């Protein structure tokens, strides 16, 4: 299924120009336990509805950015550069 992803630099483009990077998650502290790091790396919520996700524009500006996307309808409501929050 194709849909448009709005790159903050290049504008709306076909999803096939991008690489999906997964949900945005808060990174654990460096001294976190191995179990916490394993859960951070491999366990995903994979929810229906609105999700905050990483995308990489591999055929355009070659930059990572964050989107808010409805995973049921594949509609991106917002996109922008990561802010570190």
PDB file of N, CA and C in Angstrom:
ATOM      1  N   UNK A   1       0.844  -1.174   0.000  1.00  0.00           N
ATOM      2  CA  UNK A   1       0.000   0.000   0.000  1.00  0.00           C
ATOM      3  C   UNK A   1       0.891   1.239   0.000  1.00  0.00           C
ATOM      4  N   UNK A   2       0.644   2.125  -0.908  1.00  0.00           N
ATOM      5  CA  UNK A   2       1.445   3.333  -1.024  1.00  0.00           C
ATOM      6  C   UNK A   2       0.751   4.501  -0.334  1.00  0.00           C
ATOM      7  N   UNK A   3       1.558   5.381   0.246  1.00  0.00           N
ATOM      8  CA  UNK A   3       1.053   6.615   0.832  1.00  0.00           C
ATOM      9  C   UNK A   3       2.175   7.638   0.804  1.00  0.00           C
ATOM     10  N   UNK A   4       1.839   8.890   1.074  1.00  0.00           N
ATOM     11  CA  UNK A   4       2.826   9.964   1.039  1.00  0.00           C
ATOM     12  C   UNK A   4       3.397  10.212   2.426  1.00  0.00           C
ATOM     13  N   UNK A   5       4.714  10.419   2.468  1.00  0.00           N
ATOM     14  CA  UNK A   5       5.405  10.799   3.696  1.00  0.00           C
ATOM     15  C   UNK A   5       5.977  12.191   3.462  1.00  0.00           C
ATOM     16  N   UNK A   6       5.608  13.171   4.292  1.00  0.00           N
ATOM     17  CA  UNK A   6       6.124  14.532   4.095  1.00  0.00           C
ATOM     18  C   UNK A   6       7.495  14.708   4.750  1.00  0.00           C
ATOM     19  N   UNK A   7       8.528  14.709   3.953  1.00  0.00           N
ATOM     20  CA  UNK A   7       9.880  14.962   4.456  1.00  0.00           C
ATOM     21  C   UNK A   7       9.969  16.442   4.849  1.00  0.00           C
ATOM     22  N   UNK A   8      10.525  16.753   6.015  1.00  0.00           N
ATOM     23  CA  UNK A   8      10.633  18.157   6.426  1.00  0.00           C
ATOM     24  C   UNK A   8      11.469  19.007   5.476  1.00  0.00           C
ATOM     25  N   UNK A   9      12.383  18.380   4.744  1.00  0.00           N
ATOM     26  CA  UNK A   9      13.247  19.144   3.833  1.00  0.00           C
ATOM     27  C   UNK A   9      12.760  19.069   2.394  1.00  0.00           C
ATOM     28  N   UNK A  10      12.332  17.888   1.941  1.00  0.00           N
ATOM     29  CA  UNK A  10      12.017  17.681   0.526  1.00  0.00           C
ATOM     30  C   UNK A  10      10.533  17.758   0.188  1.00  0.00           C
ATOM     31  N   UNK A  11       9.675  17.754   1.199  1.00  0.00           N
ATOM     32  CA  UNK A  11       8.240  17.788   0.953  1.00  0.00           C
ATOM     33  C   UNK A  11       7.650  16.392   0.820  1.00  0.00           C
ATOM     34  N   UNK A  12       6.357  16.296   0.465  1.00  0.00           N
ATOM     35  CA  UNK A  12       5.687  14.999   0.360  1.00  0.00           C
ATOM     36  C   UNK A  12       6.275  14.140  -0.755  1.00  0.00           C
ATOM     37  N   UNK A  13       6.579  12.902  -0.408  1.00  0.00           N
ATOM     38  CA  UNK A  13       7.129  11.940  -1.370  1.00  0.00           C
ATOM     39  C   UNK A  13       6.484  10.578  -1.135  1.00  0.00           C
ATOM     40  N   UNK A  14       6.564   9.713  -2.133  1.00  0.00           N
ATOM     41  CA  UNK A  14       6.046   8.352  -2.020  1.00  0.00           C
ATOM     42  C   UNK A  14       6.798   7.585  -0.934  1.00  0.00           C
ATOM     43  N   UNK A  15       6.094   6.766  -0.190  1.00  0.00           N
ATOM     44  CA  UNK A  15       6.683   6.032   0.930  1.00  0.00           C
ATOM     45  C   UNK A  15       7.870   5.169   0.499  1.00  0.00           C
ATOM     46  N   UNK A  16       7.906   4.752  -0.767  1.00  0.00           N
ATOM     47  CA  UNK A  16       8.986   3.880  -1.236  1.00  0.00           C
ATOM     48  C   UNK A  16      10.341   4.585  -1.319  1.00  0.00           C
ATOM     49  N   UNK A  17      10.369   5.909  -1.157  1.00  0.00           N
ATOM     50  CA  UNK A  17      11.637   6.644  -1.101  1.00  0.00           C
ATOM     51  C   UNK A  17      12.283   6.575   0.279  1.00  0.00           C
ATOM     52  N   UNK A  18      11.565   6.035   1.256  1.00  0.00           N
ATOM     53  CA  UNK A  18      11.995   6.093   2.654  1.00  0.00           C
ATOM     54  C   UNK A  18      12.295   4.712   3.228  1.00  0.00           C
ATOM     55  N   UNK A  19      12.981   4.725   4.362  1.00  0.00           N
ATOM     56  CA  UNK A  19      13.184   3.521   5.161  1.00  0.00           C
ATOM     57  C   UNK A  19      12.519   3.769   6.502  1.00  0.00           C
ATOM     58  N   UNK A  20      11.670   2.828   6.923  1.00  0.00           N
ATOM     59  CA  UNK A  20      10.984   2.917   8.203  1.00  0.00           C
ATOM     60  C   UNK A  20      11.967   2.572   9.310  1.00  0.00           C
ATOM     61  N   UNK A  21      12.016   3.396  10.358  1.00  0.00           N
ATOM     62  CA  UNK A  21      12.961   3.176  11.444  1.00  0.00           C
ATOM     63  C   UNK A  21      12.341   2.720  12.747  1.00  0.00           C
ATOM     64  N   UNK A  22      11.029   2.551  12.781  1.00  0.00           N
ATOM     65  CA  UNK A  22      10.370   2.082  13.994  1.00  0.00           C
ATOM     66  C   UNK A  22       9.821   3.203  14.847  1.00  0.00           C
ATOM     67  N   UNK A  23       9.189   2.804  15.958  1.00  0.00           N
ATOM     68  CA  UNK A  23       8.605   3.780  16.879  1.00  0.00           C
ATOM     69  C   UNK A  23       9.696   4.567  17.583  1.00  0.00           C
ATOM     70  N   UNK A  24       9.372   5.773  17.945  1.00  0.00           N
ATOM     71  CA  UNK A  24      10.305   6.552  18.762  1.00  0.00           C
ATOM     72  C   UNK A  24      10.136   6.112  20.212  1.00  0.00           C
ATOM     73  N   UNK A  25      11.229   5.830  20.858  1.00  0.00           N
ATOM     74  CA  UNK A  25      11.231   5.395  22.254  1.00  0.00           C
ATOM     75  C   UNK A  25      12.281   6.168  23.027  1.00  0.00           C
ATOM     76  N   UNK A  26      12.050   6.364  24.304  1.00  0.00           N
ATOM     77  CA  UNK A  26      13.046   7.029  25.146  1.00  0.00           C
ATOM     78  C   UNK A  26      14.193   6.064  25.396  1.00  0.00           C
ATOM     79  N   UNK A  27      15.406   6.507  25.109  1.00  0.00           N
ATOM     80  CA  UNK A  27      16.598   5.664  25.264  1.00  0.00           C
ATOM     81  C   UNK A  27      16.903   5.452  26.752  1.00  0.00           C
ATOM     82  N   UNK A  28      17.202   4.201  27.146  1.00  0.00           N
ATOM     83  CA  UNK A  28      17.545   3.941  28.554  1.00  0.00           C
ATOM     84  C   UNK A  28      18.867   4.605  28.936  1.00  0.00           C
ATOM     85  N   UNK A  29      19.074   4.761  30.221  1.00  0.00           N
ATOM     86  CA  UNK A  29      20.333   5.331  30.706  1.00  0.00           C
ATOM     87  C   UNK A  29      21.466   4.335  30.434  1.00  0.00           C
ATOM     88  N   UNK A  30      22.699   4.799  30.308  1.00  0.00           N
ATOM     89  CA  UNK A  30      23.826   3.908  30.013  1.00  0.00           C
ATOM     90  C   UNK A  30      24.011   2.791  31.041  1.00  0.00           C
ATOM     91  N   UNK A  31      23.606   3.023  32.282  1.00  0.00           N
ATOM     92  CA  UNK A  31      23.800   1.992  33.304  1.00  0.00           C
ATOM     93  C   UNK A  31      22.563   1.111  33.502  1.00  0.00           C
ATOM     94  N   UNK A  32      21.626   1.140  32.549  1.00  0.00           N
ATOM     95  CA  UNK A  32      20.430   0.301  32.641  1.00  0.00           C
ATOM     96  C   UNK A  32      20.805  -1.177  32.543  1.00  0.00           C
ATOM     97  N   UNK A  33      19.940  -2.020  33.055  1.00  0.00           N
ATOM     98  CA  UNK A  33      20.201  -3.467  33.045  1.00  0.00           C
ATOM     99  C   UNK A  33      20.112  -4.012  31.625  1.00  0.00           C
ATOM    100  N   UNK A  34      20.717  -5.160  31.374  1.00  0.00           N
ATOM    101  CA  UNK A  34      20.600  -5.787  30.053  1.00  0.00           C
ATOM    102  C   UNK A  34      19.142  -6.047  29.649  1.00  0.00           C
ATOM    103  N   UNK A  35      18.284  -6.379  30.609  1.00  0.00           N
ATOM    104  CA  UNK A  35      16.875  -6.613  30.291  1.00  0.00           C
ATOM    105  C   UNK A  35      16.209  -5.331  29.782  1.00  0.00           C
ATOM    106  N   UNK A  36      16.508  -4.202  30.402  1.00  0.00           N
ATOM    107  CA  UNK A  36      15.949  -2.921  29.952  1.00  0.00           C
ATOM    108  C   UNK A  36      16.425  -2.609  28.535  1.00  0.00           C
ATOM    109  N   UNK A  37      17.708  -2.825  28.261  1.00  0.00           N
ATOM    110  CA  UNK A  37      18.243  -2.579  26.915  1.00  0.00           C
ATOM    111  C   UNK A  37      17.641  -3.538  25.893  1.00  0.00           C
ATOM    112  N   UNK A  38      17.434  -4.784  26.261  1.00  0.00           N
ATOM    113  CA  UNK A  38      16.821  -5.758  25.353  1.00  0.00           C
ATOM    114  C   UNK A  38      15.395  -5.343  25.014  1.00  0.00           C
ATOM    115  N   UNK A  39      14.635  -4.932  26.026  1.00  0.00           N
ATOM    116  CA  UNK A  39      13.265  -4.487  25.775  1.00  0.00           C
ATOM    117  C   UNK A  39      13.240  -3.240  24.898  1.00  0.00           C
ATOM    118  N   UNK A  40      14.153  -2.320  25.130  1.00  0.00           N
ATOM    119  CA  UNK A  40      14.244  -1.103  24.312  1.00  0.00           C
ATOM    120  C   UNK A  40      14.523  -1.456  22.849  1.00  0.00           C
ATOM    121  N   UNK A  41      15.412  -2.394  22.649  1.00  0.00           N
ATOM    122  CA  UNK A  41      15.843  -2.738  21.294  1.00  0.00           C
ATOM    123  C   UNK A  41      14.838  -3.611  20.527  1.00  0.00           C
ATOM    124  N   UNK A  42      14.198  -4.543  21.206  1.00  0.00           N
ATOM    125  CA  UNK A  42      13.420  -5.554  20.485  1.00  0.00           C
ATOM    126  C   UNK A  42      11.909  -5.540  20.736  1.00  0.00           C
ATOM    127  N   UNK A  43      11.443  -5.001  21.824  1.00  0.00           N
ATOM    128  CA  UNK A  43      10.008  -5.043  22.124  1.00  0.00           C
ATOM    129  C   UNK A  43       9.334  -3.773  21.611  1.00  0.00           C
ATOM    130  N   UNK A  44       8.281  -3.944  20.815  1.00  0.00           N
ATOM    131  CA  UNK A  44       7.559  -2.818  20.237  1.00  0.00           C
ATOM    132  C   UNK A  44       6.084  -2.905  20.602  1.00  0.00           C
ATOM    133  N   UNK A  45       5.447  -1.751  20.714  1.00  0.00           N
ATOM    134  CA  UNK A  45       4.027  -1.714  21.049  1.00  0.00           C
ATOM    135  C   UNK A  45       3.185  -2.098  19.837  1.00  0.00           C
ATOM    136  N   UNK A  46       3.536  -1.592  18.652  1.00  0.00           N
ATOM    137  CA  UNK A  46       2.839  -1.896  17.407  1.00  0.00           C
ATOM    138  C   UNK A  46       1.338  -1.638  17.528  1.00  0.00           C
ATOM    139  N   UNK A  47       0.983  -0.448  17.965  1.00  0.00           N
ATOM    140  CA  UNK A  47      -0.418  -0.115  18.225  1.00  0.00           C
ATOM    141  C   UNK A  47      -1.153   0.307  16.960  1.00  0.00           C
ATOM    142  N   UNK A  48      -2.457   0.106  16.984  1.00  0.00           N
ATOM    143  CA  UNK A  48      -3.327   0.650  15.939  1.00  0.00           C
ATOM    144  C   UNK A  48      -3.619   2.101  16.294  1.00  0.00           C
ATOM    145  N   UNK A  49      -3.608   2.963  15.304  1.00  0.00           N
ATOM    146  CA  UNK A  49      -3.915   4.370  15.551  1.00  0.00           C
ATOM    147  C   UNK A  49      -2.677   5.235  15.430  1.00  0.00           C
ATOM    148  N   UNK A  50      -2.650   6.318  16.182  1.00  0.00           N
ATOM    149  CA  UNK A  50      -1.555   7.287  16.077  1.00  0.00           C
ATOM    150  C   UNK A  50      -0.273   6.744  16.698  1.00  0.00           C
ATOM    151  N   UNK A  51       0.817   6.888  15.956  1.00  0.00           N
ATOM    152  CA  UNK A  51       2.129   6.446  16.423  1.00  0.00           C
ATOM    153  C   UNK A  51       3.166   7.482  16.012  1.00  0.00           C
ATOM    154  N   UNK A  52       4.173   7.641  16.845  1.00  0.00           N
ATOM    155  CA  UNK A  52       5.310   8.534  16.551  1.00  0.00           C
ATOM    156  C   UNK A  52       6.449   7.641  16.071  1.00  0.00           C
ATOM    157  N   UNK A  53       6.976   7.912  14.853  1.00  0.00           N
ATOM    158  CA  UNK A  53       7.908   6.987  14.203  1.00  0.00           C
ATOM    159  C   UNK A  53       9.106   7.694  13.580  1.00  0.00           C
ATOM    160  N   UNK A  54      10.188   6.932  13.446  1.00  0.00           N
ATOM    161  CA  UNK A  54      11.386   7.382  12.732  1.00  0.00           C
ATOM    162  C   UNK A  54      11.269   6.993  11.263  1.00  0.00           C
ATOM    163  N   UNK A  55      11.695   7.903  10.377  1.00  0.00           N
ATOM    164  CA  UNK A  55      11.780   7.618   8.941  1.00  0.00           C
ATOM    165  C   UNK A  55      13.099   8.188   8.413  1.00  0.00           C
ATOM    166  N   UNK A  56      13.681   7.497   7.426  1.00  0.00           N
ATOM    167  CA  UNK A  56      14.928   7.930   6.788  1.00  0.00           C
ATOM    168  C   UNK A  56      14.649   8.151   5.308  1.00  0.00           C
ATOM    169  N   UNK A  57      14.967   9.339   4.795  1.00  0.00           N
ATOM    170  CA  UNK A  57      14.726   9.640   3.381  1.00  0.00           C
ATOM    171  C   UNK A  57      15.918   9.158   2.557  1.00  0.00           C
ATOM    172  N   UNK A  58      15.901   7.902   2.212  1.00  0.00           N
ATOM    173  CA  UNK A  58      17.040   7.258   1.552  1.00  0.00           C
ATOM    174  C   UNK A  58      17.237   7.691   0.098  1.00  0.00           C
ATOM    175  N   UNK A  59      16.178   8.091  -0.589  1.00  0.00           N
ATOM    176  CA  UNK A  59      16.318   8.520  -1.983  1.00  0.00           C
ATOM    177  C   UNK A  59      16.212  10.040  -2.139  1.00  0.00           C
ATOM    178  N   UNK A  60      16.319  10.754  -1.045  1.00  0.00           N
ATOM    179  CA  UNK A  60      16.228  12.214  -1.090  1.00  0.00           C
ATOM    180  C   UNK A  60      17.371  12.837  -0.317  1.00  0.00           C
ATOM    181  N   UNK A  61      17.041  13.543   0.750  1.00  0.00           N
ATOM    182  CA  UNK A  61      18.033  14.302   1.518  1.00  0.00           C
ATOM    183  C   UNK A  61      18.906  13.434   2.433  1.00  0.00           C
ATOM    184  N   UNK A  62      18.564  12.145   2.570  1.00  0.00           N
ATOM    185  CA  UNK A  62      19.331  11.175   3.366  1.00  0.00           C
ATOM    186  C   UNK A  62      19.413  11.596   4.839  1.00  0.00           C
ATOM    187  N   UNK A  63      18.281  12.071   5.378  1.00  0.00           N
ATOM    188  CA  UNK A  63      18.222  12.480   6.785  1.00  0.00           C
ATOM    189  C   UNK A  63      17.122  11.718   7.508  1.00  0.00           C
ATOM    190  N   UNK A  64      17.328  11.504   8.812  1.00  0.00           N
ATOM    191  CA  UNK A  64      16.323  10.903   9.685  1.00  0.00           C
ATOM    192  C   UNK A  64      15.400  11.995  10.203  1.00  0.00           C
ATOM    193  N   UNK A  65      14.118  11.676  10.342  1.00  0.00           N
ATOM    194  CA  UNK A  65      13.156  12.597  10.930  1.00  0.00           C
ATOM    195  C   UNK A  65      12.033  11.796  11.597  1.00  0.00           C
ATOM    196  N   UNK A  66      11.169  12.503  12.298  1.00  0.00           N
ATOM    197  CA  UNK A  66      10.094  11.880  13.060  1.00  0.00           C
ATOM    198  C   UNK A  66       8.751  12.267  12.457  1.00  0.00           C
ATOM    199  N   UNK A  67       7.826  11.302  12.402  1.00  0.00           N
ATOM    200  CA  UNK A  67       6.466  11.576  11.944  1.00  0.00           C
ATOM    201  C   UNK A  67       5.458  11.155  12.996  1.00  0.00           C
ATOM    202  N   UNK A  68       4.267  11.689  12.872  1.00  0.00           N
ATOM    203  CA  UNK A  68       3.106  11.185  13.595  1.00  0.00           C
ATOM    204  C   UNK A  68       2.184  10.624  12.525  1.00  0.00           C
ATOM    205  N   UNK A  69       1.920   9.293  12.633  1.00  0.00           N
ATOM    206  CA  UNK A  69       1.179   8.618  11.563  1.00  0.00           C
ATOM    207  C   UNK A  69       0.065   7.774  12.153  1.00  0.00           C
ATOM    208  N   UNK A  70      -1.087   7.806  11.482  1.00  0.00           N
ATOM    209  CA  UNK A  70      -2.183   6.905  11.810  1.00  0.00           C
ATOM    210  C   UNK A  70      -1.858   5.576  11.135  1.00  0.00           C
ATOM    211  N   UNK A  71      -1.550   4.549  11.911  1.00  0.00           N
ATOM    212  CA  UNK A  71      -1.106   3.266  11.354  1.00  0.00           C
ATOM    213  C   UNK A  71      -2.242   2.471  10.731  1.00  0.00           C
ATOM    214  N   UNK A  72      -3.471   2.837  11.000  1.00  0.00           N
ATOM    215  CA  UNK A  72      -4.616   2.140  10.402  1.00  0.00           C
ATOM    216  C   UNK A  72      -4.860   2.658   8.981  1.00  0.00           C
ATOM    217  N   UNK A  73      -4.861   3.979   8.821  1.00  0.00           N
ATOM    218  CA  UNK A  73      -5.150   4.593   7.525  1.00  0.00           C
ATOM    219  C   UNK A  73      -3.894   4.955   6.734  1.00  0.00           C
ATOM    220  N   UNK A  74      -2.702   4.825   7.350  1.00  0.00           N
ATOM    221  CA  UNK A  74      -1.437   5.225   6.716  1.00  0.00           C
ATOM    222  C   UNK A  74      -1.468   6.685   6.275  1.00  0.00           C
ATOM    223  N   UNK A  75      -1.876   7.541   7.200  1.00  0.00           N
ATOM    224  CA  UNK A  75      -1.919   8.984   6.937  1.00  0.00           C
ATOM    225  C   UNK A  75      -0.975   9.661   7.924  1.00  0.00           C
ATOM    226  N   UNK A  76      -0.022  10.413   7.385  1.00  0.00           N
ATOM    227  CA  UNK A  76       0.932  11.145   8.217  1.00  0.00           C
ATOM    228  C   UNK A  76       0.340  12.528   8.511  1.00  0.00           C
ATOM    229  N   UNK A  77       0.159  12.827   9.797  1.00  0.00           N
ATOM    230  CA  UNK A  77      -0.438  14.102  10.182  1.00  0.00           C
ATOM    231  C   UNK A  77       0.610  15.181  10.469  1.00  0.00           C
ATOM    232  N   UNK A  78       1.843  14.771  10.783  1.00  0.00           N
ATOM    233  CA  UNK A  78       2.898  15.747  11.071  1.00  0.00           C
ATOM    234  C   UNK A  78       4.254  15.093  10.866  1.00  0.00           C
ATOM    235  N   UNK A  79       5.245  15.900  10.541  1.00  0.00           N
ATOM    236  CA  UNK A  79       6.616  15.408  10.446  1.00  0.00           C
ATOM    237  C   UNK A  79       7.558  16.556  10.801  1.00  0.00           C
ATOM    238  N   UNK A  80       8.739  16.202  11.285  1.00  0.00           N
ATOM    239  CA  UNK A  80       9.716  17.219  11.642  1.00  0.00           C
ATOM    240  C   UNK A  80      11.007  16.589  12.121  1.00  0.00           C
ATOM    241  N   UNK A  81      11.970  17.420  12.387  1.00  0.00           N
ATOM    242  CA  UNK A  81      13.259  16.941  12.878  1.00  0.00           C
ATOM    243  C   UNK A  81      13.127  16.538  14.341  1.00  0.00           C
ATOM    244  N   UNK A  82      13.901  15.580  14.759  1.00  0.00           N
ATOM    245  CA  UNK A  82      13.877  15.132  16.153  1.00  0.00           C
ATOM    246  C   UNK A  82      14.342  16.267  17.064  1.00  0.00           C
ATOM    247  N   UNK A  83      13.686  16.411  18.206  1.00  0.00           N
ATOM    248  CA  UNK A  83      13.991  17.510  19.110  1.00  0.00           C
ATOM    249  C   UNK A  83      14.749  17.071  20.350  1.00  0.00           C
ATOM    250  N   UNK A  84      14.902  15.772  20.562  1.00  0.00           N
ATOM    251  CA  UNK A  84      15.639  15.288  21.718  1.00  0.00           C
ATOM    252  C   UNK A  84      14.825  15.197  22.980  1.00  0.00           C
ATOM    253  N   UNK A  85      13.503  15.318  22.871  1.00  0.00           N
ATOM    254  CA  UNK A  85      12.661  15.229  24.073  1.00  0.00           C
ATOM    255  C   UNK A  85      12.356  13.805  24.471  1.00  0.00           C
TER     256      UNK A  85
END
